[in-house]
All heavy atoms as atom14 arrays in JSON, in Angstrom:
{
  "sequence": "LSLHKSTFEKIAAENSQLKIPSVPKGNREGIMNAYKTGGYRQVDRI",
  "atom14_mask": [
    [1, 1, 1, 1, 1, 1, 1, 1, 0, 0, 0, 0, 0, 0],
    [1, 1, 1, 1, 1, 1, 0, 0, 0, 0, 0, 0, 0, 0],
    [1, 1, 1, 1, 1, 1, 1, 1, 0, 0, 0, 0, 0, 0],
    [1, 1, 1, 1, 1, 1, 1, 1, 1, 1, 0, 0, 0, 0],
    [1, 1, 1, 1, 1, 1, 1, 1, 1, 0, 0, 0, 0, 0],
    [1, 1, 1, 1, 1, 1, 0, 0, 0, 0, 0, 0, 0, 0],
    [1, 1, 1, 1, 1, 1, 1, 0, 0, 0, 0, 0, 0, 0],
    [1, 1, 1, 1, 1, 1, 1, 1, 1, 1, 1, 0, 0, 0],
    [1, 1, 1, 1, 1, 1, 1, 1, 1, 0, 0, 0, 0, 0],
    [1, 1, 1, 1, 1, 1, 1, 1, 1, 0, 0, 0, 0, 0],
    [1, 1, 1, 1, 1, 1, 1, 1, 0, 0, 0, 0, 0, 0],
    [1, 1, 1, 1, 1, 0, 0, 0, 0, 0, 0, 0, 0, 0],
    [1, 1, 1, 1, 1, 0, 0, 0, 0, 0, 0, 0, 0, 0],
    [1, 1, 1, 1, 1, 1, 1, 1, 1, 0, 0, 0, 0, 0],
    [1, 1, 1, 1, 1, 1, 1, 1, 0, 0, 0, 0, 0, 0],
    [1, 1, 1, 1, 1, 1, 0, 0, 0, 0, 0, 0, 0, 0],
    [1, 1, 1, 1, 1, 1, 1, 1, 1, 0, 0, 0, 0, 0],
    [1, 1, 1, 1, 1, 1, 1, 1, 0, 0, 0, 0, 0, 0],
    [1, 1, 1, 1, 1, 1, 1, 1, 1, 0, 0, 0, 0, 0],
    [1, 1, 1, 1, 1, 1, 1, 1, 0, 0, 0, 0, 0, 0],
    [1, 1, 1, 1, 1, 1, 1, 0, 0, 0, 0, 0, 0, 0],
    [1, 1, 1, 1, 1, 1, 0, 0, 0, 0, 0, 0, 0, 0],
    [1, 1, 1, 1, 1, 1, 1, 0, 0, 0, 0, 0, 0, 0],
    [1, 1, 1, 1, 1, 1, 1, 0, 0, 0, 0, 0, 0, 0],
    [1, 1, 1, 1, 1, 1, 1, 1, 1, 0, 0, 0, 0, 0],
    [1, 1, 1, 1, 0, 0, 0, 0, 0, 0, 0, 0, 0, 0],
    [1, 1, 1, 1, 1, 1, 1, 1, 0, 0, 0, 0, 0, 0],
    [1, 1, 1, 1, 1, 1, 1, 1, 1, 1, 1, 0, 0, 0],
    [1, 1, 1, 1, 1, 1, 1, 1, 1, 0, 0, 0, 0, 0],
    [1, 1, 1, 1, 0, 0, 0, 0, 0, 0, 0, 0, 0, 0],
    [1, 1, 1, 1, 1, 1, 1, 1, 0, 0, 0, 0, 0, 0],
    [1, 1, 1, 1, 1, 1, 1, 1, 0, 0, 0, 0, 0, 0],
    [1, 1, 1, 1, 1, 1, 1, 1, 0, 0, 0, 0, 0, 0],
    [1, 1, 1, 1, 1, 0, 0, 0, 0, 0, 0, 0, 0, 0],
    [1, 1, 1, 1, 1, 1, 1, 1, 1, 1, 1, 1, 0, 0],
    [1, 1, 1, 1, 1, 1, 1, 1, 1, 0, 0, 0, 0, 0],
    [1, 1, 1, 1, 1, 1, 1, 0, 0, 0, 0, 0, 0, 0],
    [1, 1, 1, 1, 0, 0, 0, 0, 0, 0, 0, 0, 0, 0],
    [1, 1, 1, 1, 0, 0, 0, 0, 0, 0, 0, 0, 0, 0],
    [1, 1, 1, 1, 1, 1, 1, 1, 1, 1, 1, 1, 0, 0],
    [1, 1, 1, 1, 1, 1, 1, 1, 1, 1, 1, 0, 0, 0],
    [1, 1, 1, 1, 1, 1, 1, 1, 1, 0, 0, 0, 0, 0],
    [1, 1, 1, 1, 1, 1, 1, 0, 0, 0, 0, 0, 0, 0],
    [1, 1, 1, 1, 1, 1, 1, 1, 0, 0, 0, 0, 0, 0],
    [1, 1, 1, 1, 1, 1, 1, 1, 1, 1, 1, 0, 0, 0],
    [1, 1, 1, 1, 1, 1, 1, 1, 0, 0, 0, 0, 0, 0]
  ],
  "atom14_positions": [
    [[0.83, -1.2, 0.01], [-0.02, -0.02, -0.02], [0.85, 1.23, 0.04], [1.86, 1.33, 0.63], [-0.93, 0.02, 1.21], [-1.95, -1.05, 1.34], [-2.66, -0.93, 2.67], [-2.98, -0.95, 0.26], [0.0, 0.0, 0.0], [0.0, 0.0, 0.0], [0.0, 0.0, 0.0], [0.0, 0.0, 0.0], [0.0, 0.0, 0.0], [0.0, 0.0, 0.0]],
    [[0.45, 2.23, -0.7], [0.97, 3.6, -0.62], [0.07, 4.38, 0.31], [-1.18, 4.49, -0.05], [1.11, 4.25, -1.97], [1.7, 5.53, -1.82], [0.0, 0.0, 0.0], [0.0, 0.0, 0.0], [0.0, 0.0, 0.0], [0.0, 0.0, 0.0], [0.0, 0.0, 0.0], [0.0, 0.0, 0.0], [0.0, 0.0, 0.0], [0.0, 0.0, 0.0]],
    [[0.6, 4.94, 1.48], [-0.26, 5.62, 2.43], [0.1, 7.05, 2.48], [1.27, 7.4, 2.46], [-0.07, 4.91, 3.72], [-0.39, 3.43, 3.87], [-0.09, 2.94, 5.26], [-1.84, 3.16, 3.56], [0.0, 0.0, 0.0], [0.0, 0.0, 0.0], [0.0, 0.0, 0.0], [0.0, 0.0, 0.0], [0.0, 0.0, 0.0], [0.0, 0.0, 0.0]],
    [[-0.92, 7.88, 2.7], [-0.71, 9.31, 2.85], [-1.55, 9.76, 4.09], [-2.81, 9.45, 4.11], [-1.16, 10.08, 1.61], [-0.85, 11.58, 1.75], [0.37, 12.07, 1.42], [-1.68, 12.66, 2.07], [0.31, 13.46, 1.61], [-0.88, 13.74, 1.93], [0.0, 0.0, 0.0], [0.0, 0.0, 0.0], [0.0, 0.0, 0.0], [0.0, 0.0, 0.0]],
    [[-0.9, 10.35, 5.03], [-1.64, 10.63, 6.27], [-2.89, 11.58, 6.09], [-2.67, 12.58, 5.31], [-0.68, 11.24, 7.31], [0.23, 10.26, 8.07], [1.0, 10.94, 9.15], [1.84, 9.95, 9.91], [2.58, 10.58, 11.06], [0.0, 0.0, 0.0], [0.0, 0.0, 0.0], [0.0, 0.0, 0.0], [0.0, 0.0, 0.0], [0.0, 0.0, 0.0]],
    [[-3.89, 11.26, 6.74], [-5.13, 12.13, 6.65], [-5.65, 12.2, 8.04], [-5.0, 11.95, 9.03], [-6.11, 11.45, 5.66], [-7.2, 12.31, 5.52], [0.0, 0.0, 0.0], [0.0, 0.0, 0.0], [0.0, 0.0, 0.0], [0.0, 0.0, 0.0], [0.0, 0.0, 0.0], [0.0, 0.0, 0.0], [0.0, 0.0, 0.0], [0.0, 0.0, 0.0]],
    [[-6.94, 12.64, 8.19], [-7.63, 12.7, 9.48], [-8.97, 12.1, 9.27], [-9.55, 12.04, 8.22], [-7.78, 14.15, 10.01], [-8.64, 14.91, 9.11], [-6.41, 14.83, 10.05], [0.0, 0.0, 0.0], [0.0, 0.0, 0.0], [0.0, 0.0, 0.0], [0.0, 0.0, 0.0], [0.0, 0.0, 0.0], [0.0, 0.0, 0.0], [0.0, 0.0, 0.0]],
    [[-9.54, 11.72, 10.42], [-10.94, 11.15, 10.41], [-11.88, 12.31, 9.91], [-12.73, 11.97, 9.09], [-11.32, 10.72, 11.86], [-12.8, 10.35, 11.87], [-13.2, 9.02, 11.52], [-13.86, 11.26, 12.23], [-14.5, 8.7, 11.48], [-15.07, 10.88, 12.23], [-15.46, 9.56, 11.84], [0.0, 0.0, 0.0], [0.0, 0.0, 0.0], [0.0, 0.0, 0.0]],
    [[-11.75, 13.51, 10.38], [-12.61, 14.6, 9.94], [-12.62, 14.78, 8.47], [-13.65, 14.99, 7.79], [-12.21, 15.91, 10.68], [-12.51, 15.92, 12.15], [-11.58, 15.03, 12.97], [-10.48, 14.73, 12.45], [-11.98, 14.56, 14.02], [0.0, 0.0, 0.0], [0.0, 0.0, 0.0], [0.0, 0.0, 0.0], [0.0, 0.0, 0.0], [0.0, 0.0, 0.0]],
    [[-11.47, 14.68, 7.84], [-11.4, 14.84, 6.31], [-12.02, 13.68, 5.64], [-12.74, 13.96, 4.65], [-9.82, 15.07, 5.92], [-9.19, 16.3, 6.31], [-7.82, 16.45, 5.75], [-7.27, 17.85, 6.03], [-5.9, 18.05, 5.43], [0.0, 0.0, 0.0], [0.0, 0.0, 0.0], [0.0, 0.0, 0.0], [0.0, 0.0, 0.0], [0.0, 0.0, 0.0]],
    [[-11.8, 12.45, 6.17], [-12.44, 11.35, 5.48], [-13.98, 11.4, 5.64], [-14.69, 10.99, 4.73], [-11.85, 10.07, 6.09], [-10.36, 9.88, 5.66], [-12.67, 8.8, 5.73], [-9.64, 8.73, 6.33], [0.0, 0.0, 0.0], [0.0, 0.0, 0.0], [0.0, 0.0, 0.0], [0.0, 0.0, 0.0], [0.0, 0.0, 0.0], [0.0, 0.0, 0.0]],
    [[-14.39, 11.79, 6.76], [-15.82, 11.76, 7.08], [-16.59, 12.9, 6.45], [-17.82, 12.89, 6.35], [-16.05, 11.85, 8.6], [0.0, 0.0, 0.0], [0.0, 0.0, 0.0], [0.0, 0.0, 0.0], [0.0, 0.0, 0.0], [0.0, 0.0, 0.0], [0.0, 0.0, 0.0], [0.0, 0.0, 0.0], [0.0, 0.0, 0.0], [0.0, 0.0, 0.0]],
    [[-15.91, 13.91, 5.85], [-16.53, 15.07, 5.23], [-17.45, 14.63, 4.17], [-18.6, 15.23, 4.02], [-15.43, 16.01, 4.7], [0.0, 0.0, 0.0], [0.0, 0.0, 0.0], [0.0, 0.0, 0.0], [0.0, 0.0, 0.0], [0.0, 0.0, 0.0], [0.0, 0.0, 0.0], [0.0, 0.0, 0.0], [0.0, 0.0, 0.0], [0.0, 0.0, 0.0]],
    [[-17.12, 13.73, 3.32], [-18.03, 13.22, 2.29], [-18.31, 11.67, 2.48], [-18.76, 11.06, 1.42], [-17.52, 13.51, 0.94], [-17.44, 15.08, 0.66], [-17.29, 15.36, -0.79], [-17.67, 14.61, -1.65], [-16.65, 16.49, -1.09], [0.0, 0.0, 0.0], [0.0, 0.0, 0.0], [0.0, 0.0, 0.0], [0.0, 0.0, 0.0], [0.0, 0.0, 0.0]],
    [[-18.04, 11.17, 3.61], [-18.52, 9.84, 3.97], [-19.37, 9.9, 5.18], [-19.03, 9.67, 6.31], [-17.29, 8.95, 4.26], [-16.71, 8.21, 3.08], [-17.44, 7.5, 2.35], [-15.44, 8.43, 2.8], [0.0, 0.0, 0.0], [0.0, 0.0, 0.0], [0.0, 0.0, 0.0], [0.0, 0.0, 0.0], [0.0, 0.0, 0.0], [0.0, 0.0, 0.0]],
    [[-20.62, 10.33, 4.91], [-21.6, 10.62, 5.97], [-21.9, 9.47, 6.88], [-22.29, 9.59, 8.08], [-22.88, 11.22, 5.41], [-23.52, 10.34, 4.63], [0.0, 0.0, 0.0], [0.0, 0.0, 0.0], [0.0, 0.0, 0.0], [0.0, 0.0, 0.0], [0.0, 0.0, 0.0], [0.0, 0.0, 0.0], [0.0, 0.0, 0.0], [0.0, 0.0, 0.0]],
    [[-21.78, 8.19, 6.35], [-22.05, 7.02, 7.13], [-21.0, 6.8, 8.37], [-21.22, 6.02, 9.12], [-22.08, 5.81, 6.28], [-23.34, 5.58, 5.54], [-23.46, 6.64, 4.36], [-22.43, 7.05, 3.76], [-24.68, 7.13, 4.12], [0.0, 0.0, 0.0], [0.0, 0.0, 0.0], [0.0, 0.0, 0.0], [0.0, 0.0, 0.0], [0.0, 0.0, 0.0]],
    [[-19.96, 7.62, 8.35], [-19.08, 7.64, 9.45], [-19.6, 8.52, 10.61], [-18.97, 8.59, 11.7], [-17.58, 8.07, 9.09], [-16.9, 7.14, 8.23], [-15.6, 7.76, 7.72], [-16.54, 5.8, 8.94], [0.0, 0.0, 0.0], [0.0, 0.0, 0.0], [0.0, 0.0, 0.0], [0.0, 0.0, 0.0], [0.0, 0.0, 0.0], [0.0, 0.0, 0.0]],
    [[-20.72, 9.16, 10.35], [-21.34, 10.04, 11.35], [-22.75, 9.77, 11.68], [-23.2, 9.79, 12.84], [-21.13, 11.49, 10.84], [-19.73, 11.99, 10.62], [-19.71, 13.39, 10.09], [-20.12, 13.43, 8.62], [-19.89, 14.82, 8.08], [0.0, 0.0, 0.0], [0.0, 0.0, 0.0], [0.0, 0.0, 0.0], [0.0, 0.0, 0.0], [0.0, 0.0, 0.0]],
    [[-23.57, 9.48, 10.63], [-24.96, 9.19, 10.83], [-25.43, 8.12, 9.86], [-24.85, 7.91, 8.85], [-25.8, 10.51, 10.61], [-25.62, 11.01, 9.19], [-25.48, 11.53, 11.66], [-26.51, 12.15, 8.77], [0.0, 0.0, 0.0], [0.0, 0.0, 0.0], [0.0, 0.0, 0.0], [0.0, 0.0, 0.0], [0.0, 0.0, 0.0], [0.0, 0.0, 0.0]],
    [[-26.55, 7.42, 10.19], [-27.03, 6.39, 9.31], [-27.63, 7.05, 7.95], [-27.85, 8.27, 7.93], [-28.24, 5.71, 10.09], [-27.88, 6.13, 11.52], [-27.19, 7.44, 11.48], [0.0, 0.0, 0.0], [0.0, 0.0, 0.0], [0.0, 0.0, 0.0], [0.0, 0.0, 0.0], [0.0, 0.0, 0.0], [0.0, 0.0, 0.0], [0.0, 0.0, 0.0]],
    [[-27.8, 6.2, 7.0], [-28.35, 6.73, 5.73], [-29.83, 7.21, 5.88], [-30.6, 6.81, 6.77], [-28.36, 5.56, 4.66], [-27.12, 5.21, 4.38], [0.0, 0.0, 0.0], [0.0, 0.0, 0.0], [0.0, 0.0, 0.0], [0.0, 0.0, 0.0], [0.0, 0.0, 0.0], [0.0, 0.0, 0.0], [0.0, 0.0, 0.0], [0.0, 0.0, 0.0]],
    [[-30.13, 8.22, 5.06], [-31.5, 8.79, 4.96], [-32.01, 8.66, 3.55], [-31.31, 9.05, 2.62], [-31.45, 10.25, 5.38], [-32.92, 10.91, 5.22], [-30.9, 10.42, 6.8], [0.0, 0.0, 0.0], [0.0, 0.0, 0.0], [0.0, 0.0, 0.0], [0.0, 0.0, 0.0], [0.0, 0.0, 0.0], [0.0, 0.0, 0.0], [0.0, 0.0, 0.0]],
    [[-33.22, 8.03, 3.36], [-33.74, 7.95, 2.11], [-33.9, 9.25, 1.34], [-34.27, 10.22, 1.93], [-35.12, 7.28, 2.25], [-35.07, 6.69, 3.68], [-34.13, 7.55, 4.47], [0.0, 0.0, 0.0], [0.0, 0.0, 0.0], [0.0, 0.0, 0.0], [0.0, 0.0, 0.0], [0.0, 0.0, 0.0], [0.0, 0.0, 0.0], [0.0, 0.0, 0.0]],
    [[-33.6, 9.23, 0.02], [-33.73, 10.49, -0.8], [-34.93, 10.45, -1.71], [-34.96, 11.16, -2.65], [-32.41, 10.68, -1.6], [-31.21, 10.94, -0.68], [-29.94, 11.14, -1.58], [-28.68, 11.48, -0.65], [-28.36, 10.33, 0.16], [0.0, 0.0, 0.0], [0.0, 0.0, 0.0], [0.0, 0.0, 0.0], [0.0, 0.0, 0.0], [0.0, 0.0, 0.0]],
    [[-35.87, 9.61, -1.44], [-37.05, 9.51, -2.18], [-38.14, 8.85, -1.38], [-38.09, 8.7, -0.16], [0.0, 0.0, 0.0], [0.0, 0.0, 0.0], [0.0, 0.0, 0.0], [0.0, 0.0, 0.0], [0.0, 0.0, 0.0], [0.0, 0.0, 0.0], [0.0, 0.0, 0.0], [0.0, 0.0, 0.0], [0.0, 0.0, 0.0], [0.0, 0.0, 0.0]],
    [[-39.12, 8.39, -2.11], [-40.3, 7.79, -1.4], [-40.07, 6.35, -1.17], [-40.58, 5.42, -1.95], [-41.65, 7.99, -2.26], [-42.86, 7.45, -1.69], [-42.81, 7.05, -0.45], [-43.9, 7.28, -2.52], [0.0, 0.0, 0.0], [0.0, 0.0, 0.0], [0.0, 0.0, 0.0], [0.0, 0.0, 0.0], [0.0, 0.0, 0.0], [0.0, 0.0, 0.0]],
    [[-39.3, 6.0, -0.14], [-38.97, 4.63, 0.09], [-40.19, 3.79, 0.33], [-40.32, 2.73, -0.13], [-38.04, 4.48, 1.31], [-37.69, 3.01, 1.68], [-36.84, 2.82, 2.92], [-36.47, 1.52, 3.07], [-37.14, 0.59, 3.8], [-38.18, 1.04, 4.44], [-36.66, -0.63, 3.87], [0.0, 0.0, 0.0], [0.0, 0.0, 0.0], [0.0, 0.0, 0.0]],
    [[-41.16, 4.3, 1.02], [-42.39, 3.55, 1.34], [-43.11, 3.17, 0.1], [-43.48, 2.01, -0.12], [-43.23, 4.32, 2.31], [-44.51, 3.52, 2.72], [-45.4, 4.28, 3.66], [-45.01, 5.41, 4.08], [-46.44, 3.78, 4.03], [0.0, 0.0, 0.0], [0.0, 0.0, 0.0], [0.0, 0.0, 0.0], [0.0, 0.0, 0.0], [0.0, 0.0, 0.0]],
    [[-43.12, 4.1, -0.83], [-43.85, 3.82, -2.09], [-43.1, 2.85, -2.94], [-43.72, 2.01, -3.51], [0.0, 0.0, 0.0], [0.0, 0.0, 0.0], [0.0, 0.0, 0.0], [0.0, 0.0, 0.0], [0.0, 0.0, 0.0], [0.0, 0.0, 0.0], [0.0, 0.0, 0.0], [0.0, 0.0, 0.0], [0.0, 0.0, 0.0], [0.0, 0.0, 0.0]],
    [[-41.78, 2.95, -2.98], [-40.95, 2.04, -3.72], [-40.99, 0.58, -3.21], [-41.35, -0.34, -3.98], [-39.52, 2.46, -3.77], [-39.37, 3.82, -4.45], [-38.57, 1.38, -4.32], [-38.01, 4.44, -4.23], [0.0, 0.0, 0.0], [0.0, 0.0, 0.0], [0.0, 0.0, 0.0], [0.0, 0.0, 0.0], [0.0, 0.0, 0.0], [0.0, 0.0, 0.0]],
    [[-40.97, 0.47, -1.91], [-41.04, -0.88, -1.34], [-42.42, -1.48, -1.38], [-42.57, -2.74, -1.56], [-40.58, -0.82, 0.17], [-39.13, -0.47, 0.35], [-37.98, -1.35, -0.71], [-38.15, -2.99, -0.14], [0.0, 0.0, 0.0], [0.0, 0.0, 0.0], [0.0, 0.0, 0.0], [0.0, 0.0, 0.0], [0.0, 0.0, 0.0], [0.0, 0.0, 0.0]],
    [[-43.5, -0.65, -1.36], [-44.85, -1.12, -1.52], [-45.07, -1.62, -2.97], [-45.78, -2.57, -3.19], [-45.9, -0.12, -1.06], [-46.02, 0.03, 0.42], [-45.84, -0.99, 1.13], [-46.41, 1.18, 0.88], [0.0, 0.0, 0.0], [0.0, 0.0, 0.0], [0.0, 0.0, 0.0], [0.0, 0.0, 0.0], [0.0, 0.0, 0.0], [0.0, 0.0, 0.0]],
    [[-44.38, -0.9, -3.93], [-44.56, -1.31, -5.28], [-43.85, -2.66, -5.48], [-44.43, -3.47, -6.24], [-43.9, -0.25, -6.21], [0.0, 0.0, 0.0], [0.0, 0.0, 0.0], [0.0, 0.0, 0.0], [0.0, 0.0, 0.0], [0.0, 0.0, 0.0], [0.0, 0.0, 0.0], [0.0, 0.0, 0.0], [0.0, 0.0, 0.0], [0.0, 0.0, 0.0]],
    [[-42.75, -2.87, -4.79], [-42.02, -4.18, -4.88], [-42.88, -5.21, -4.29], [-42.98, -6.27, -4.78], [-40.67, -4.03, -4.18], [-39.9, -5.39, -4.3], [-39.38, -5.8, -5.47], [-39.74, -6.2, -3.14], [-38.6, -6.96, -5.51], [-39.07, -7.35, -3.22], [-38.55, -7.69, -4.41], [-37.84, -8.89, -4.48], [0.0, 0.0, 0.0], [0.0, 0.0, 0.0]],
    [[-43.52, -4.91, -3.18], [-44.43, -5.91, -2.51], [-45.5, -6.41, -3.38], [-45.91, -7.52, -3.41], [-44.94, -5.38, -1.17], [-45.86, -6.34, -0.43], [-46.34, -5.72, 0.85], [-47.27, -4.61, 0.75], [-47.85, -4.12, 1.94], [0.0, 0.0, 0.0], [0.0, 0.0, 0.0], [0.0, 0.0, 0.0], [0.0, 0.0, 0.0], [0.0, 0.0, 0.0]],
    [[-46.12, -5.45, -4.12], [-47.32, -5.76, -4.86], [-47.04, -6.22, -6.31], [-47.77, -7.01, -6.88], [-48.27, -4.55, -4.96], [-47.54, -3.44, -5.48], [-48.74, -4.17, -3.59], [0.0, 0.0, 0.0], [0.0, 0.0, 0.0], [0.0, 0.0, 0.0], [0.0, 0.0, 0.0], [0.0, 0.0, 0.0], [0.0, 0.0, 0.0], [0.0, 0.0, 0.0]],
    [[-45.99, -5.67, -6.92], [-45.67, -5.96, -8.3], [-44.34, -6.48, -8.6], [-43.95, -6.56, -9.82], [0.0, 0.0, 0.0], [0.0, 0.0, 0.0], [0.0, 0.0, 0.0], [0.0, 0.0, 0.0], [0.0, 0.0, 0.0], [0.0, 0.0, 0.0], [0.0, 0.0, 0.0], [0.0, 0.0, 0.0], [0.0, 0.0, 0.0], [0.0, 0.0, 0.0]],
    [[-43.5, -6.64, -7.59], [-42.13, -7.16, -7.82], [-41.24, -6.1, -8.45], [-41.52, -4.92, -8.56], [0.0, 0.0, 0.0], [0.0, 0.0, 0.0], [0.0, 0.0, 0.0], [0.0, 0.0, 0.0], [0.0, 0.0, 0.0], [0.0, 0.0, 0.0], [0.0, 0.0, 0.0], [0.0, 0.0, 0.0], [0.0, 0.0, 0.0], [0.0, 0.0, 0.0]],
    [[-40.05, -6.5, -8.86], [-39.07, -5.54, -9.35], [-39.59, -4.88, -10.62], [-39.3, -3.69, -10.85], [-37.74, -6.32, -9.69], [-36.71, -5.35, -10.21], [-36.06, -4.44, -9.4], [-36.53, -5.24, -11.6], [-35.15, -3.6, -9.92], [-35.63, -4.23, -12.15], [-34.91, -3.42, -11.27], [-34.1, -2.52, -11.7], [0.0, 0.0, 0.0], [0.0, 0.0, 0.0]],
    [[-40.33, -5.63, -11.46], [-40.82, -4.95, -12.74], [-41.77, -3.7, -12.41], [-41.65, -2.74, -13.11], [-41.57, -6.02, -13.51], [-40.68, -6.97, -14.27], [-41.37, -8.1, -14.95], [-40.47, -8.89, -15.79], [-39.49, -9.69, -15.23], [-39.34, -9.83, -13.98], [-38.67, -10.33, -16.07], [0.0, 0.0, 0.0], [0.0, 0.0, 0.0], [0.0, 0.0, 0.0]],
    [[-42.52, -3.86, -11.42], [-43.33, -2.63, -10.98], [-42.46, -1.48, -10.45], [-42.65, -0.32, -10.84], [-44.34, -3.06, -9.92], [-45.17, -1.89, -9.38], [-46.12, -1.36, -10.47], [-46.4, -2.0, -11.55], [-46.76, -0.25, -10.23], [0.0, 0.0, 0.0], [0.0, 0.0, 0.0], [0.0, 0.0, 0.0], [0.0, 0.0, 0.0], [0.0, 0.0, 0.0]],
    [[-41.39, -1.81, -9.78], [-40.43, -0.8, -9.39], [-39.78, -0.08, -10.53], [-39.6, 1.04, -10.58], [-39.44, -1.43, -8.36], [-38.31, -0.37, -7.99], [-40.07, -1.97, -7.15], [0.0, 0.0, 0.0], [0.0, 0.0, 0.0], [0.0, 0.0, 0.0], [0.0, 0.0, 0.0], [0.0, 0.0, 0.0], [0.0, 0.0, 0.0], [0.0, 0.0, 0.0]],
    [[-39.39, -0.98, -11.53], [-38.69, -0.46, -12.71], [-39.63, 0.47, -13.52], [-39.24, 1.54, -14.07], [-38.25, -1.56, -13.51], [-37.38, -1.09, -14.72], [-36.22, -0.76, -14.46], [-37.85, -1.08, -15.83], [0.0, 0.0, 0.0], [0.0, 0.0, 0.0], [0.0, 0.0, 0.0], [0.0, 0.0, 0.0], [0.0, 0.0, 0.0], [0.0, 0.0, 0.0]],
    [[-40.87, 0.09, -13.59], [-41.88, 0.9, -14.31], [-42.02, 2.28, -13.7], [-42.03, 3.37, -14.32], [-43.28, 0.24, -14.41], [-43.32, -0.85, -15.43], [-44.78, -1.31, -15.69], [-45.27, -2.08, -14.51], [-45.18, -3.47, -14.39], [-44.44, -4.12, -15.3], [-45.66, -4.04, -13.33], [0.0, 0.0, 0.0], [0.0, 0.0, 0.0], [0.0, 0.0, 0.0]],
    [[-42.12, 2.29, -12.32], [-42.3, 3.53, -11.6], [-40.97, 4.41, -11.81], [-41.1, 5.61, -12.04], [-42.52, 3.28, -10.09], [-43.85, 2.71, -9.93], [-42.35, 4.54, -9.32], [-44.08, 2.25, -8.51], [0.0, 0.0, 0.0], [0.0, 0.0, 0.0], [0.0, 0.0, 0.0], [0.0, 0.0, 0.0], [0.0, 0.0, 0.0], [0.0, 0.0, 0.0]]
  ]
}
């Protein structure tokens, strides 16, 4: 490995999962309900 010193703060700046859990950026409930009722094809259509 070639290593270059950094800091946790710099790494976490654009790696938010080092600070907080993921947050959906869309209608997760609608997407998952579409999968439940119509499978992946319904999700793809939406």
